[in-house]
N, C-alpha and C. Protein backbone atom coordinates (compact mmCIF):
# COMPACT_ATOMS: atom_id res chain seq x y z
N MET A 1 94.98 114.60 109.04
CA MET A 1 93.95 113.69 108.60
C MET A 1 92.72 113.89 109.48
N THR A 2 91.59 113.84 108.85
CA THR A 2 90.32 113.95 109.55
C THR A 2 89.37 112.89 109.02
N GLU A 3 88.20 112.81 109.60
CA GLU A 3 87.22 111.85 109.08
C GLU A 3 86.69 112.28 107.72
N LYS A 4 86.77 113.56 107.42
CA LYS A 4 86.31 114.07 106.13
C LYS A 4 87.33 113.84 105.02
N GLY A 5 88.60 113.73 105.39
CA GLY A 5 89.65 113.56 104.40
C GLY A 5 91.00 113.89 105.01
N PHE A 6 91.90 114.45 104.20
CA PHE A 6 93.24 114.79 104.68
C PHE A 6 93.70 116.06 103.99
N TYR A 7 94.63 116.72 104.63
CA TYR A 7 95.21 117.94 104.07
C TYR A 7 96.58 117.62 103.49
N TYR A 8 96.81 118.15 102.31
CA TYR A 8 98.12 118.06 101.68
C TYR A 8 98.39 119.41 101.04
N LYS A 9 99.45 120.05 101.47
CA LYS A 9 99.82 121.38 100.99
C LYS A 9 98.64 122.34 101.05
N ASP A 10 98.03 122.43 102.23
CA ASP A 10 96.93 123.36 102.54
C ASP A 10 95.66 123.12 101.74
N THR A 11 95.51 121.97 101.11
CA THR A 11 94.29 121.63 100.38
C THR A 11 93.65 120.42 101.02
N LEU A 12 92.34 120.49 101.25
CA LEU A 12 91.62 119.34 101.80
C LEU A 12 91.23 118.40 100.67
N TYR A 13 91.61 117.14 100.82
CA TYR A 13 91.25 116.10 99.86
C TYR A 13 90.31 115.12 100.54
N THR A 14 89.32 114.65 99.79
CA THR A 14 88.35 113.70 100.33
C THR A 14 88.52 112.35 99.66
N ARG A 15 87.65 111.44 100.01
CA ARG A 15 87.65 110.08 99.45
C ARG A 15 87.64 110.10 97.93
N ASP A 16 86.87 111.00 97.35
CA ASP A 16 86.74 111.05 95.89
C ASP A 16 88.00 111.57 95.20
N ASP A 17 88.90 112.21 95.94
CA ASP A 17 90.11 112.77 95.35
C ASP A 17 91.26 111.76 95.23
N VAL A 18 91.13 110.61 95.90
CA VAL A 18 92.17 109.59 95.84
C VAL A 18 91.90 108.70 94.63
N LYS A 19 92.82 108.76 93.68
CA LYS A 19 92.65 108.02 92.42
C LYS A 19 93.29 106.64 92.48
N LYS A 20 94.50 106.56 93.05
CA LYS A 20 95.25 105.31 93.04
C LYS A 20 96.22 105.29 94.21
N ILE A 21 96.43 104.10 94.78
CA ILE A 21 97.39 103.91 95.87
C ILE A 21 98.26 102.71 95.50
N TYR A 22 99.55 102.83 95.74
CA TYR A 22 100.42 101.68 95.53
C TYR A 22 101.51 101.67 96.59
N THR A 23 102.00 100.50 96.90
CA THR A 23 103.14 100.36 97.79
C THR A 23 104.22 99.58 97.06
N ALA A 24 105.45 99.87 97.44
CA ALA A 24 106.58 99.20 96.80
C ALA A 24 107.70 99.04 97.82
N ASN A 25 108.46 97.97 97.67
CA ASN A 25 109.65 97.82 98.48
C ASN A 25 110.69 98.79 97.98
N GLY A 26 111.47 99.31 98.87
CA GLY A 26 112.45 100.31 98.51
C GLY A 26 113.80 99.73 98.15
N SER A 27 113.85 98.78 97.25
CA SER A 27 115.12 98.17 96.80
C SER A 27 115.95 97.68 97.99
N GLY A 28 115.36 96.84 98.81
CA GLY A 28 116.05 96.31 99.98
C GLY A 28 115.97 97.23 101.17
N GLY A 29 115.32 98.36 101.04
CA GLY A 29 115.18 99.31 102.14
C GLY A 29 113.75 99.39 102.60
N PRO A 30 113.39 100.52 103.18
CA PRO A 30 112.03 100.67 103.68
C PRO A 30 110.99 100.73 102.58
N LYS A 31 109.76 100.40 102.94
CA LYS A 31 108.67 100.45 101.97
C LYS A 31 108.32 101.90 101.65
N ARG A 32 107.73 102.06 100.48
CA ARG A 32 107.26 103.36 100.02
C ARG A 32 105.83 103.22 99.56
N MET A 33 105.09 104.31 99.72
CA MET A 33 103.71 104.34 99.28
C MET A 33 103.51 105.57 98.43
N GLY A 34 102.78 105.39 97.34
CA GLY A 34 102.43 106.51 96.48
C GLY A 34 100.93 106.68 96.46
N VAL A 35 100.49 107.93 96.56
CA VAL A 35 99.07 108.24 96.50
C VAL A 35 98.88 109.20 95.33
N HIS A 36 98.10 108.79 94.36
CA HIS A 36 97.81 109.64 93.19
C HIS A 36 96.46 110.30 93.43
N LEU A 37 96.42 111.61 93.22
CA LEU A 37 95.20 112.38 93.43
C LEU A 37 94.60 112.78 92.09
N THR A 38 93.31 113.04 92.08
CA THR A 38 92.62 113.35 90.83
C THR A 38 93.08 114.66 90.21
N ASP A 39 93.69 115.56 91.00
CA ASP A 39 94.18 116.83 90.43
C ASP A 39 95.59 116.70 89.86
N GLY A 40 96.12 115.47 89.82
CA GLY A 40 97.43 115.23 89.24
C GLY A 40 98.57 115.22 90.25
N ARG A 41 98.31 115.64 91.47
CA ARG A 41 99.36 115.61 92.48
C ARG A 41 99.64 114.17 92.90
N LYS A 42 100.88 113.94 93.32
CA LYS A 42 101.29 112.63 93.83
C LYS A 42 101.97 112.83 95.17
N ILE A 43 101.59 112.01 96.13
CA ILE A 43 102.23 112.03 97.44
C ILE A 43 103.07 110.77 97.55
N LEU A 44 104.34 110.92 97.85
CA LEU A 44 105.24 109.78 98.04
C LEU A 44 105.63 109.73 99.51
N ILE A 45 105.41 108.58 100.15
CA ILE A 45 105.65 108.43 101.58
C ILE A 45 106.66 107.31 101.78
N ASN A 46 107.74 107.60 102.47
CA ASN A 46 108.78 106.64 102.79
C ASN A 46 108.60 106.22 104.24
N ALA A 47 108.50 104.93 104.52
CA ALA A 47 108.22 104.44 105.87
C ALA A 47 109.23 104.92 106.90
N VAL A 48 110.48 105.03 106.53
CA VAL A 48 111.51 105.40 107.49
C VAL A 48 111.44 106.87 107.88
N ALA A 49 110.75 107.69 107.13
CA ALA A 49 110.69 109.12 107.39
C ALA A 49 109.52 109.54 108.28
N LEU A 50 108.70 108.60 108.71
CA LEU A 50 107.46 108.94 109.42
C LEU A 50 107.66 109.18 110.90
N GLU A 51 106.87 110.12 111.41
CA GLU A 51 106.79 110.40 112.84
C GLU A 51 105.32 110.47 113.22
N LEU A 52 105.02 110.14 114.46
CA LEU A 52 103.66 110.28 114.98
C LEU A 52 103.77 111.00 116.32
N ASN A 53 103.13 112.16 116.40
CA ASN A 53 103.18 112.99 117.61
C ASN A 53 104.61 113.28 118.04
N GLY A 54 105.47 113.56 117.09
CA GLY A 54 106.85 113.94 117.37
C GLY A 54 107.79 112.79 117.65
N VAL A 55 107.32 111.55 117.58
CA VAL A 55 108.15 110.38 117.85
C VAL A 55 108.41 109.65 116.54
N LYS A 56 109.69 109.45 116.23
CA LYS A 56 110.06 108.76 115.00
C LYS A 56 109.66 107.29 115.08
N ALA A 57 109.00 106.81 114.04
CA ALA A 57 108.56 105.41 114.00
C ALA A 57 109.75 104.50 113.75
N LYS A 58 109.79 103.38 114.44
CA LYS A 58 110.88 102.41 114.25
C LYS A 58 110.49 101.45 113.13
N THR A 59 111.32 101.40 112.11
CA THR A 59 111.08 100.56 110.95
C THR A 59 111.77 99.22 111.12
N GLY A 60 111.03 98.15 110.88
CA GLY A 60 111.59 96.81 110.99
C GLY A 60 112.69 96.57 109.97
N PHE A 61 113.75 95.92 110.39
CA PHE A 61 114.90 95.66 109.52
C PHE A 61 114.51 94.80 108.33
N PHE A 62 113.75 93.75 108.55
CA PHE A 62 113.38 92.84 107.47
C PHE A 62 112.09 93.26 106.77
N SER A 63 111.17 93.84 107.53
CA SER A 63 109.87 94.18 106.94
C SER A 63 109.92 95.48 106.15
N GLY A 64 110.76 96.43 106.56
CA GLY A 64 110.83 97.72 105.87
C GLY A 64 109.62 98.59 106.13
N THR A 65 108.86 98.27 107.17
CA THR A 65 107.65 99.02 107.46
C THR A 65 107.52 99.24 108.97
N ASN A 66 106.50 99.99 109.37
CA ASN A 66 106.25 100.24 110.79
C ASN A 66 104.76 100.49 111.00
N GLU A 67 104.35 100.66 112.26
CA GLU A 67 102.94 100.83 112.58
C GLU A 67 102.35 102.10 111.95
N VAL A 68 103.11 103.17 111.94
CA VAL A 68 102.62 104.43 111.39
C VAL A 68 102.37 104.28 109.88
N PHE A 69 103.31 103.67 109.18
CA PHE A 69 103.17 103.44 107.75
C PHE A 69 101.94 102.57 107.46
N GLU A 70 101.79 101.49 108.22
CA GLU A 70 100.66 100.59 108.01
C GLU A 70 99.34 101.29 108.32
N GLY A 71 99.34 102.17 109.33
CA GLY A 71 98.14 102.95 109.64
C GLY A 71 97.78 103.90 108.52
N LEU A 72 98.80 104.55 107.94
CA LEU A 72 98.56 105.44 106.80
C LEU A 72 98.04 104.67 105.60
N ARG A 73 98.62 103.53 105.36
CA ARG A 73 98.17 102.71 104.23
C ARG A 73 96.71 102.31 104.41
N ALA A 74 96.34 101.89 105.62
CA ALA A 74 94.95 101.52 105.89
C ALA A 74 94.03 102.73 105.72
N TYR A 75 94.50 103.90 106.14
CA TYR A 75 93.71 105.12 105.99
C TYR A 75 93.45 105.42 104.52
N PHE A 76 94.50 105.43 103.72
CA PHE A 76 94.35 105.73 102.30
C PHE A 76 93.57 104.65 101.56
N GLU A 77 93.77 103.39 101.91
CA GLU A 77 93.00 102.32 101.28
C GLU A 77 91.52 102.46 101.63
N GLY A 78 91.22 102.89 102.85
CA GLY A 78 89.84 103.12 103.25
C GLY A 78 89.21 104.26 102.48
N LEU A 79 90.01 105.26 102.12
CA LEU A 79 89.49 106.38 101.33
C LEU A 79 89.24 105.98 99.90
N SER A 80 90.04 105.06 99.37
CA SER A 80 89.93 104.74 97.95
C SER A 80 88.87 103.69 97.65
N THR A 81 88.22 103.13 98.66
CA THR A 81 87.20 102.11 98.40
C THR A 81 85.83 102.70 98.22
């Protein structure tokens, strides 16, 4: 991720490339976020699978989320506005 946008599969995407963002509870498990891009690609992010600088993020038992996930959500929401 950069201030200009983010890379996904070796392609740089900018603010204009983010079409839709949604979050959902994972059926009693961790939260998930979907990012729809204008080229038809979809990125699915599971909160429990995230790492930051090589350290696995700890997901809250009841919340199903963590700081890394919330940071990513804020990043993508900032791009889509």
